[in-house]
């Protein structure tokens, strides 16, 4: 299994609820002085490359937060 690179700061399962019949959501971006609207799949937005990577540890532990973190629901 490859290391996860795109770390979602908005979980895909939240974004899926906003998807239209085409399975896509509206995404707004500022391009200069304009606002551009595009439609993307939830997996294609709401992420930053290596957002939760640990840089001060060896490579085998670098993606621990993204791969091994589990939420304990109370």
Foldseek 3Di string as FASTA:
>chain_A
DDFDFWDAPDDLVVVQVQADPVQWHWDWDDDPPDIDIDTDHSVVDRTDTLPPFDDPDDPVCRRCCVPPDDDDDD
